[in-house]
């Protein structure tokens, strides 16, 4: 699963992205991978280990909803 969100506001010179993906790591654990930053740049990566695949999906949904409240829209 991959969710990519953008928040673009030319008046404020804002062009941001927020990408969420769910992956398995080498130990077989489920991870929520976040990549965020300015569009056109590499961005920052963050990895959150989750107890199960369902937990990872729930966390991704919560984050996407919070970002939508701040003005992010699907890319």
C-alpha atoms as a PDB file:
ATOM      1  CA  UNK A   1       0.000   0.000   0.000  1.00  0.00           C
ATOM      2  CA  UNK A   2       1.229   3.480  -0.865  1.00  0.00           C
ATOM      3  CA  UNK A   3      -0.454   6.794  -0.065  1.00  0.00           C
ATOM      4  CA  UNK A   4       0.994  10.017  -1.492  1.00  0.00           C
ATOM      5  CA  UNK A   5      -0.376  13.383  -0.389  1.00  0.00           C
ATOM      6  CA  UNK A   6       0.496  16.900  -1.567  1.00  0.00           C
ATOM      7  CA  UNK A   7      -0.033  20.326  -0.078  1.00  0.00           C
ATOM      8  CA  UNK A   8       0.630  23.135  -2.530  1.00  0.00           C
ATOM      9  CA  UNK A   9       0.038  26.836  -1.848  1.00  0.00           C
ATOM     10  CA  UNK A  10       1.833  29.172  -4.302  1.00  0.00           C
ATOM     11  CA  UNK A  11       0.981  32.257  -2.222  1.00  0.00           C
ATOM     12  CA  UNK A  12       3.005  30.849   0.686  1.00  0.00           C
ATOM     13  CA  UNK A  13       5.669  29.244  -1.553  1.00  0.00           C
ATOM     14  CA  UNK A  14       4.610  25.878  -0.122  1.00  0.00           C
ATOM     15  CA  UNK A  15       5.000  22.616  -2.043  1.00  0.00           C
ATOM     16  CA  UNK A  16       5.084  19.652   0.335  1.00  0.00           C
ATOM     17  CA  UNK A  17       4.567  15.921   0.034  1.00  0.00           C
ATOM     18  CA  UNK A  18       3.805  13.168   2.526  1.00  0.00           C
ATOM     19  CA  UNK A  19       4.127   9.524   1.457  1.00  0.00           C
ATOM     20  CA  UNK A  20       3.100   6.497   3.527  1.00  0.00           C
ATOM     21  CA  UNK A  21       3.834   2.861   2.731  1.00  0.00           C
ATOM     22  CA  UNK A  22       3.568  -0.430   4.602  1.00  0.00           C
ATOM     23  CA  UNK A  23       6.414  -2.889   4.226  1.00  0.00           C
ATOM     24  CA  UNK A  24       7.926  -5.912   5.915  1.00  0.00           C
ATOM     25  CA  UNK A  25      11.421  -5.552   7.317  1.00  0.00           C
ATOM     26  CA  UNK A  26      14.167  -8.185   7.324  1.00  0.00           C
ATOM     27  CA  UNK A  27      12.947  -9.607  10.638  1.00  0.00           C
ATOM     28  CA  UNK A  28       9.430 -10.161   9.281  1.00  0.00           C
ATOM     29  CA  UNK A  29       7.878  -7.305  11.268  1.00  0.00           C
ATOM     30  CA  UNK A  30       5.417  -4.891   9.652  1.00  0.00           C
ATOM     31  CA  UNK A  31       6.621  -1.322   9.307  1.00  0.00           C
ATOM     32  CA  UNK A  32       4.988   1.970   8.445  1.00  0.00           C
ATOM     33  CA  UNK A  33       7.437   3.975   6.318  1.00  0.00           C
ATOM     34  CA  UNK A  34       6.945   7.746   6.113  1.00  0.00           C
ATOM     35  CA  UNK A  35       8.681  10.031   3.654  1.00  0.00           C
ATOM     36  CA  UNK A  36       7.917  13.733   3.830  1.00  0.00           C
ATOM     37  CA  UNK A  37       9.350  17.068   2.808  1.00  0.00           C
ATOM     38  CA  UNK A  38       9.402  19.607  -0.004  1.00  0.00           C
ATOM     39  CA  UNK A  39       8.362  18.426  -3.478  1.00  0.00           C
ATOM     40  CA  UNK A  40      11.474  17.963  -5.616  1.00  0.00           C
ATOM     41  CA  UNK A  41      13.689  17.119  -2.639  1.00  0.00           C
ATOM     42  CA  UNK A  42      14.581  13.777  -1.100  1.00  0.00           C
ATOM     43  CA  UNK A  43      12.700  14.409   2.126  1.00  0.00           C
ATOM     44  CA  UNK A  44      12.951  12.774   5.519  1.00  0.00           C
ATOM     45  CA  UNK A  45      12.372   9.059   6.095  1.00  0.00           C
ATOM     46  CA  UNK A  46      10.856   7.669   9.271  1.00  0.00           C
ATOM     47  CA  UNK A  47      10.218   4.010  10.071  1.00  0.00           C
ATOM     48  CA  UNK A  48       7.655   2.915  12.673  1.00  0.00           C
ATOM     49  CA  UNK A  49       7.521  -0.766  13.674  1.00  0.00           C
ATOM     50  CA  UNK A  50       3.957  -2.047  14.118  1.00  0.00           C
ATOM     51  CA  UNK A  51       2.676  -5.125  15.909  1.00  0.00           C
ATOM     52  CA  UNK A  52       0.753  -6.454  12.905  1.00  0.00           C
ATOM     53  CA  UNK A  53      -0.240  -5.593   9.371  1.00  0.00           C
ATOM     54  CA  UNK A  54      -3.644  -4.395  10.609  1.00  0.00           C
ATOM     55  CA  UNK A  55      -1.967  -2.053  13.106  1.00  0.00           C
ATOM     56  CA  UNK A  56       0.202  -0.620  10.328  1.00  0.00           C
ATOM     57  CA  UNK A  57      -2.838   0.011   8.108  1.00  0.00           C
ATOM     58  CA  UNK A  58      -4.703   1.659  10.987  1.00  0.00           C
ATOM     59  CA  UNK A  59      -1.734   3.931  11.731  1.00  0.00           C
ATOM     60  CA  UNK A  60      -1.440   4.891   8.049  1.00  0.00           C
ATOM     61  CA  UNK A  61      -5.157   5.721   7.898  1.00  0.00           C
ATOM     62  CA  UNK A  62      -4.932   7.887  11.025  1.00  0.00           C
ATOM     63  CA  UNK A  63      -1.923   9.789   9.673  1.00  0.00           C
ATOM     64  CA  UNK A  64      -3.563  10.337   6.277  1.00  0.00           C
ATOM     65  CA  UNK A  65      -6.704  11.684   7.989  1.00  0.00           C
ATOM     66  CA  UNK A  66      -4.670  14.065  10.152  1.00  0.00           C
ATOM     67  CA  UNK A  67      -2.776  15.334   7.110  1.00  0.00           C
ATOM     68  CA  UNK A  68      -6.072  15.829   5.220  1.00  0.00           C
ATOM     69  CA  UNK A  69      -7.260  18.097   8.025  1.00  0.00           C
ATOM     70  CA  UNK A  70      -4.136  20.219   7.475  1.00  0.00           C
ATOM     71  CA  UNK A  71      -4.863  20.626   3.747  1.00  0.00           C
ATOM     72  CA  UNK A  72      -3.040  17.693   2.144  1.00  0.00           C
ATOM     73  CA  UNK A  73      -4.819  16.092  -0.840  1.00  0.00           C
ATOM     74  CA  UNK A  74      -4.121  12.833  -2.721  1.00  0.00           C
ATOM     75  CA  UNK A  75      -1.497  13.274  -5.436  1.00  0.00           C
END
